[in-house]
Amino acid sequence: MHENILQQLYNGKIYPAENIDSSNPEFQKMNKALAEEKARFIKSLSESDRANFLELDNLQGETDAIYGYERFAQGFKLAVSLMLESLSGKEDKS
């Protein structure tokens, strides 16, 4: 039996965050530069500062993940609202 999109999402077969296309050359270029600069910076730090920076970097990653989810949720809610409005035929004429 072929599962529809909702079933696939519910059953954990769709991972939107893993399907992001990062083949954009500008993104790849910037991501590589960021990684190289971060590695260079980390090497210049004392062991104590390196540990502090890595903790800060981890916190930033966690914050980015939460923010990414919130952006995804808002976009999803907007898409559903647009779909419901278009299917209902009720538009705000003000």
C-alpha atoms as a PDB file:
ATOM      1  CA  MET A   1       0.000   0.000   0.000  1.00  0.00           C
ATOM      2  CA  HIS A   2       1.314   3.423  -0.936  1.00  0.00           C
ATOM      3  CA  GLU A   3       1.359   5.857   2.004  1.00  0.00           C
ATOM      4  CA  ASN A   4       0.206   9.416   1.422  1.00  0.00           C
ATOM      5  CA  ILE A   5       2.353  12.337   2.575  1.00  0.00           C
ATOM      6  CA  LEU A   6       0.543  12.701   5.903  1.00  0.00           C
ATOM      7  CA  GLN A   7       1.058   9.011   6.683  1.00  0.00           C
ATOM      8  CA  GLN A   8       4.729   9.221   5.712  1.00  0.00           C
ATOM      9  CA  LEU A   9       5.206  12.250   7.958  1.00  0.00           C
ATOM     10  CA  TYR A  10       3.389  10.558  10.867  1.00  0.00           C
ATOM     11  CA  ASN A  11       5.387   7.337  10.425  1.00  0.00           C
ATOM     12  CA  GLY A  12       8.697   9.195  10.463  1.00  0.00           C
ATOM     13  CA  LYS A  13       9.554   8.524   6.836  1.00  0.00           C
ATOM     14  CA  ILE A  14       9.779  12.193   5.888  1.00  0.00           C
ATOM     15  CA  TYR A  15      12.473  14.341   7.473  1.00  0.00           C
ATOM     16  CA  PRO A  16      12.045  17.885   6.104  1.00  0.00           C
ATOM     17  CA  ALA A  17      15.213  19.178   7.768  1.00  0.00           C
ATOM     18  CA  GLU A  18      17.272  16.461   6.083  1.00  0.00           C
ATOM     19  CA  ASN A  19      15.829  17.231   2.661  1.00  0.00           C
ATOM     20  CA  ILE A  20      17.165  20.756   2.451  1.00  0.00           C
ATOM     21  CA  ASP A  21      19.113  21.202  -0.760  1.00  0.00           C
ATOM     22  CA  SER A  22      22.461  22.698   0.175  1.00  0.00           C
ATOM     23  CA  SER A  23      23.933  22.398  -3.307  1.00  0.00           C
ATOM     24  CA  ASN A  24      23.766  26.176  -3.733  1.00  0.00           C
ATOM     25  CA  PRO A  25      27.360  27.105  -4.674  1.00  0.00           C
ATOM     26  CA  GLU A  26      27.261  30.342  -2.674  1.00  0.00           C
ATOM     27  CA  PHE A  27      26.076  28.457   0.424  1.00  0.00           C
ATOM     28  CA  GLN A  28      28.812  25.840   0.001  1.00  0.00           C
ATOM     29  CA  LYS A  29      31.440  28.552  -0.429  1.00  0.00           C
ATOM     30  CA  MET A  30      30.306  30.443   2.670  1.00  0.00           C
ATOM     31  CA  ASN A  31      29.935  27.278   4.740  1.00  0.00           C
ATOM     32  CA  LYS A  32      33.472  26.181   3.839  1.00  0.00           C
ATOM     33  CA  ALA A  33      34.868  29.641   4.672  1.00  0.00           C
ATOM     34  CA  LEU A  34      33.025  29.614   7.994  1.00  0.00           C
ATOM     35  CA  ALA A  35      34.371  26.172   8.915  1.00  0.00           C
ATOM     36  CA  GLU A  36      37.935  27.170   7.983  1.00  0.00           C
ATOM     37  CA  GLU A  37      37.733  30.443   9.918  1.00  0.00           C
ATOM     38  CA  LYS A  38      36.251  28.710  12.950  1.00  0.00           C
ATOM     39  CA  ALA A  39      39.031  26.082  12.913  1.00  0.00           C
ATOM     40  CA  ARG A  40      41.687  28.786  12.606  1.00  0.00           C
ATOM     41  CA  PHE A  41      40.143  30.741  15.475  1.00  0.00           C
ATOM     42  CA  ILE A  42      39.864  27.673  17.729  1.00  0.00           C
ATOM     43  CA  LYS A  43      43.543  26.873  17.196  1.00  0.00           C
ATOM     44  CA  SER A  44      44.479  30.365  18.390  1.00  0.00           C
ATOM     45  CA  LEU A  45      42.685  29.968  21.718  1.00  0.00           C
ATOM     46  CA  SER A  46      44.025  28.709  25.000  1.00  0.00           C
ATOM     47  CA  GLU A  47      42.616  25.386  26.171  1.00  0.00           C
ATOM     48  CA  SER A  48      40.260  27.135  28.599  1.00  0.00           C
ATOM     49  CA  ASP A  49      39.064  29.639  26.004  1.00  0.00           C
ATOM     50  CA  ARG A  50      38.664  26.819  23.474  1.00  0.00           C
ATOM     51  CA  ALA A  51      36.352  24.941  25.867  1.00  0.00           C
ATOM     52  CA  ASN A  52      34.353  28.121  26.488  1.00  0.00           C
ATOM     53  CA  PHE A  53      34.082  28.852  22.778  1.00  0.00           C
ATOM     54  CA  LEU A  54      32.968  25.303  21.964  1.00  0.00           C
ATOM     55  CA  GLU A  55      30.283  25.525  24.662  1.00  0.00           C
ATOM     56  CA  LEU A  56      29.130  28.822  23.177  1.00  0.00           C
ATOM     57  CA  ASP A  57      29.146  27.266  19.701  1.00  0.00           C
ATOM     58  CA  ASN A  58      27.024  24.345  20.951  1.00  0.00           C
ATOM     59  CA  LEU A  59      24.527  26.735  22.530  1.00  0.00           C
ATOM     60  CA  GLN A  60      24.334  28.644  19.246  1.00  0.00           C
ATOM     61  CA  GLY A  61      23.668  25.383  17.404  1.00  0.00           C
ATOM     62  CA  GLU A  62      20.855  24.484  19.800  1.00  0.00           C
ATOM     63  CA  THR A  63      19.358  27.966  19.444  1.00  0.00           C
ATOM     64  CA  ASP A  64      19.576  27.713  15.642  1.00  0.00           C
ATOM     65  CA  ALA A  65      17.781  24.344  15.724  1.00  0.00           C
ATOM     66  CA  ILE A  66      14.929  25.771  17.817  1.00  0.00           C
ATOM     67  CA  TYR A  67      14.672  28.828  15.582  1.00  0.00           C
ATOM     68  CA  GLY A  68      14.696  26.608  12.495  1.00  0.00           C
ATOM     69  CA  TYR A  69      11.810  24.588  13.889  1.00  0.00           C
ATOM     70  CA  GLU A  70       9.841  27.752  14.684  1.00  0.00           C
ATOM     71  CA  ARG A  71      10.366  29.042  11.138  1.00  0.00           C
ATOM     72  CA  PHE A  72       9.269  25.695   9.728  1.00  0.00           C
ATOM     73  CA  ALA A  73       6.162  25.635  11.954  1.00  0.00           C
ATOM     74  CA  GLN A  74       5.191  29.198  10.996  1.00  0.00           C
ATOM     75  CA  GLY A  75       5.617  28.433   7.290  1.00  0.00           C
ATOM     76  CA  PHE A  76       3.585  25.259   7.626  1.00  0.00           C
ATOM     77  CA  LYS A  77       0.784  27.067   9.471  1.00  0.00           C
ATOM     78  CA  LEU A  78       0.745  29.787   6.818  1.00  0.00           C
ATOM     79  CA  ALA A  79       0.560  27.213   4.026  1.00  0.00           C
ATOM     80  CA  VAL A  80      -2.327  25.395   5.734  1.00  0.00           C
ATOM     81  CA  SER A  81      -4.145  28.703   6.343  1.00  0.00           C
ATOM     82  CA  LEU A  82      -3.753  29.653   2.683  1.00  0.00           C
ATOM     83  CA  MET A  83      -5.013  26.252   1.606  1.00  0.00           C
ATOM     84  CA  LEU A  84      -8.037  26.386   3.929  1.00  0.00           C
ATOM     85  CA  GLU A  85      -8.906  29.893   2.816  1.00  0.00           C
ATOM     86  CA  SER A  86      -8.637  29.008  -0.854  1.00  0.00           C
ATOM     87  CA  LEU A  87     -10.735  25.850  -0.425  1.00  0.00           C
ATOM     88  CA  SER A  88     -13.426  27.617   1.594  1.00  0.00           C
ATOM     89  CA  GLY A  89     -13.861  30.301  -1.040  1.00  0.00           C
ATOM     90  CA  LYS A  90     -14.050  32.871   1.744  1.00  0.00           C
ATOM     91  CA  GLU A  91     -11.697  35.742   1.157  1.00  0.00           C
ATOM     92  CA  ASP A  92     -11.348  38.901   3.198  1.00  0.00           C
ATOM     93  CA  LYS A  93     -12.750  41.598   0.891  1.00  0.00           C
ATOM     94  CA  SER A  94     -11.870  44.537   3.159  1.00  0.00           C
END
